[in-house]
Amino acid sequence: MRLPRCIRLLLACSSIALGAPLASAADDPPKPKPKYQTEILRGRVVFLAAAMQRRFGAKTVKEADERILALETAKGDLHPLFEDTRGRAFRSDKRLRNREVTLLVRRYDGSPVVQIIRLFAHNKSGLVELDYWCEICAIPMFELKPCDCCGGPIRLREQKAKLPEIPPAPPRNKAAR
């Protein structure tokens, strides 16, 4: 016995409303997570255009002068930074640029760009982790701006820290780059 069309439609609508969709994105196979290596890099964050000019004599157009941030190591290697909230901190707070920093970063296979996971600096007392702190709400943030919670001022906070242990990365596949 076949149910009337209106009953079938009512059953389909009620199943959707009750959280049992007819075809769900949850039924799709999960996408594989991007592969990446976690690294620790040390150097100074600079604008890539200025570093390229200084190191190689390569000139950019004027509008590109402050477009891309990069970590420049003592050896002169340049690592472009992915500009999420942690990366954007170097653009919005000049105190962080041209200062010796250590970055815990994520480097995705096939990309030269690194994403900052944690930010460390070196001062008289040793290694410190940097973030921004709201005294009113007692919450950390990752870039200089008004507090996300109360809208009040925040301050750059330095806390004694140790670098995390990073297991050795497997050999990188050069063909993936």
Protein backbone atom coordinates (compact mmCIF):
# COMPACT_ATOMS: atom_id res chain seq x y z
CA MET A 1 0.00 0.00 0.00
CA ARG A 2 1.35 3.34 -1.03
CA LEU A 3 0.71 6.34 1.25
CA PRO A 4 -0.96 9.39 -0.19
CA ARG A 5 1.39 12.17 -1.34
CA CYS A 6 0.27 14.57 1.42
CA ILE A 7 1.08 11.96 4.13
CA ARG A 8 4.50 11.26 2.59
CA LEU A 9 5.21 15.01 2.52
CA LEU A 10 4.07 15.36 6.14
CA LEU A 11 6.34 12.49 7.24
CA ALA A 12 9.31 13.99 5.37
CA CYS A 13 8.77 17.43 6.94
CA SER A 14 8.36 16.03 10.43
CA SER A 15 11.51 13.91 10.10
CA ILE A 16 13.48 17.02 9.11
CA ALA A 17 11.99 18.98 12.01
CA LEU A 18 12.94 16.19 14.41
CA GLY A 19 16.56 16.22 13.27
CA ALA A 20 16.53 13.31 10.84
CA PRO A 21 17.07 14.94 7.45
CA LEU A 22 16.45 12.86 4.38
CA ALA A 23 19.92 13.56 2.97
CA SER A 24 22.51 14.94 5.30
CA ALA A 25 25.95 16.47 4.89
CA ALA A 26 26.87 14.26 7.84
CA ASP A 27 26.43 11.29 5.49
CA ASP A 28 29.26 12.60 3.30
CA PRO A 29 32.65 11.09 4.03
CA PRO A 30 34.82 13.42 6.15
CA LYS A 31 37.39 15.48 4.26
CA PRO A 32 40.95 14.61 5.13
CA LYS A 33 42.59 17.14 7.43
CA PRO A 34 45.36 19.20 5.85
CA LYS A 35 48.82 17.86 6.61
CA TYR A 36 51.22 20.16 8.40
CA GLN A 37 54.37 20.19 10.47
CA THR A 38 54.77 22.10 13.71
CA GLU A 39 58.03 24.03 13.92
CA ILE A 40 59.78 26.49 16.18
CA LEU A 41 61.31 29.48 14.38
CA ARG A 42 63.33 32.33 15.85
CA GLY A 43 63.95 35.76 14.36
CA ARG A 44 62.37 39.16 13.84
CA VAL A 45 59.05 39.91 12.16
CA VAL A 46 59.53 42.38 9.32
CA PHE A 47 57.67 43.48 6.22
CA LEU A 48 58.65 41.12 3.43
CA ALA A 49 59.12 43.90 0.85
CA ALA A 50 61.70 45.71 3.02
CA ALA A 51 63.57 42.46 3.71
CA MET A 52 63.63 41.55 0.01
CA GLN A 53 64.95 45.03 -0.85
CA ARG A 54 67.63 44.92 1.87
CA ARG A 55 68.78 41.33 1.19
CA PHE A 56 68.41 40.99 -2.56
CA GLY A 57 67.85 44.49 -3.97
CA ALA A 58 64.40 43.40 -5.17
CA LYS A 59 61.98 46.32 -5.27
CA THR A 60 58.21 46.11 -5.02
CA VAL A 61 55.57 48.59 -5.99
CA LYS A 62 54.84 51.20 -3.30
CA GLU A 63 51.44 49.74 -2.34
CA ALA A 64 53.10 46.39 -1.49
CA ASP A 65 55.55 47.89 1.05
CA GLU A 66 53.53 46.85 4.10
CA ARG A 67 51.38 44.11 2.60
CA ILE A 68 53.08 40.89 3.77
CA LEU A 69 54.69 40.15 7.13
CA ALA A 70 57.51 37.61 7.40
CA LEU A 71 59.78 36.18 10.05
CA GLU A 72 63.43 36.81 9.17
CA THR A 73 65.84 34.42 10.88
CA ALA A 74 69.43 35.23 11.88
CA LYS A 75 70.56 33.19 8.83
CA GLY A 76 68.43 35.45 6.63
CA ASP A 77 65.70 32.92 5.80
CA LEU A 78 62.30 34.53 5.23
CA HIS A 79 59.09 32.81 6.35
CA PRO A 80 55.90 34.62 5.21
CA LEU A 81 53.27 34.79 7.96
CA PHE A 82 49.63 33.78 7.55
CA GLU A 83 47.74 36.77 8.87
CA ASP A 84 45.05 35.48 11.21
CA THR A 85 44.54 37.09 14.64
CA ARG A 86 47.97 36.02 15.90
CA GLY A 87 49.69 37.09 12.70
CA ARG A 88 47.79 40.37 12.59
CA ALA A 89 49.17 41.26 16.04
CA PHE A 90 52.46 42.16 14.35
CA ARG A 91 50.67 44.60 12.06
CA SER A 92 48.59 46.27 14.77
CA ASP A 93 51.29 46.48 17.47
CA LYS A 94 54.60 47.96 16.29
CA ARG A 95 56.25 46.88 19.57
CA LEU A 96 56.25 43.30 18.29
CA ARG A 97 58.03 44.03 15.00
CA ASN A 98 61.82 44.07 14.78
CA ARG A 99 61.98 42.38 18.19
CA GLU A 100 63.63 39.00 18.68
CA VAL A 101 60.78 36.47 18.90
CA THR A 102 60.34 32.72 18.86
CA LEU A 103 57.26 31.42 17.10
CA LEU A 104 55.58 28.06 17.38
CA VAL A 105 54.19 27.72 13.87
CA ARG A 106 52.27 25.36 11.66
CA ARG A 107 53.59 24.89 8.10
CA TYR A 108 51.09 23.21 5.78
CA ASP A 109 52.37 20.84 3.12
CA GLY A 110 52.64 22.62 -0.19
CA SER A 111 52.80 26.13 1.28
CA PRO A 112 55.75 28.32 2.27
CA VAL A 113 53.51 30.39 4.58
CA VAL A 114 53.57 29.69 8.33
CA GLN A 115 50.67 30.12 10.78
CA ILE A 116 51.53 31.34 14.28
CA ILE A 117 50.26 29.10 17.07
CA ARG A 118 52.13 30.65 20.02
CA LEU A 119 54.32 33.74 20.38
CA PHE A 120 57.37 33.98 22.63
CA ALA A 121 59.88 36.77 23.22
CA HIS A 122 63.15 37.12 25.04
CA ASN A 123 63.67 39.66 27.82
CA LYS A 124 66.02 40.12 30.79
CA SER A 125 64.35 37.31 32.75
CA GLY A 126 64.47 34.82 29.86
CA LEU A 127 61.78 33.41 27.63
CA VAL A 128 58.25 34.83 27.98
CA GLU A 129 55.01 34.06 26.18
CA LEU A 130 53.21 37.11 24.81
CA ASP A 131 49.51 37.78 24.58
CA TYR A 132 47.12 40.61 25.41
CA TRP A 133 45.23 40.72 28.69
CA CYS A 134 42.06 42.45 29.91
CA GLU A 135 42.34 43.19 33.63
CA ILE A 136 38.56 43.62 33.95
CA CYS A 137 37.45 40.40 32.28
CA ALA A 138 40.61 38.37 32.97
CA ILE A 139 40.73 36.95 29.45
CA PRO A 140 43.65 36.63 27.04
CA MET A 141 43.52 37.86 23.45
CA PHE A 142 45.94 37.59 20.56
CA GLU A 143 45.97 41.07 19.02
CA LEU A 144 45.94 44.67 20.23
CA LYS A 145 42.35 45.98 20.16
CA PRO A 146 39.58 46.76 22.66
CA CYS A 147 38.55 43.79 24.83
CA ASP A 148 36.18 41.37 23.07
CA CYS A 149 34.05 41.17 26.22
CA CYS A 150 33.84 44.61 27.86
CA GLY A 151 35.29 46.84 25.14
CA GLY A 152 37.85 48.22 27.59
CA PRO A 153 41.59 48.56 27.15
CA ILE A 154 43.94 45.59 27.15
CA ARG A 155 47.68 45.36 27.77
CA LEU A 156 50.56 43.39 26.34
CA ARG A 157 51.26 40.59 28.83
CA GLU A 158 54.54 38.71 29.26
CA GLN A 159 54.51 35.44 31.22
CA LYS A 160 57.54 33.25 31.96
CA ALA A 161 57.42 30.26 29.65
CA LYS A 162 59.20 27.21 28.30
CA LEU A 163 59.18 26.18 24.69
CA PRO A 164 56.94 23.19 24.00
CA GLU A 165 58.50 19.89 23.01
CA ILE A 166 58.04 19.28 19.30
CA PRO A 167 58.43 15.72 18.03
CA PRO A 168 60.70 15.48 14.98
CA ALA A 169 58.80 15.92 11.75
CA PRO A 170 58.84 13.15 9.17
CA PRO A 171 60.88 13.93 6.03
CA ARG A 172 59.00 16.38 3.82
CA ASN A 173 57.92 15.35 0.35
CA LYS A 174 59.61 17.91 -1.92
CA ALA A 175 57.22 17.06 -4.76
CA ALA A 176 54.30 18.39 -2.64
CA ARG A 177 55.82 21.87 -2.46
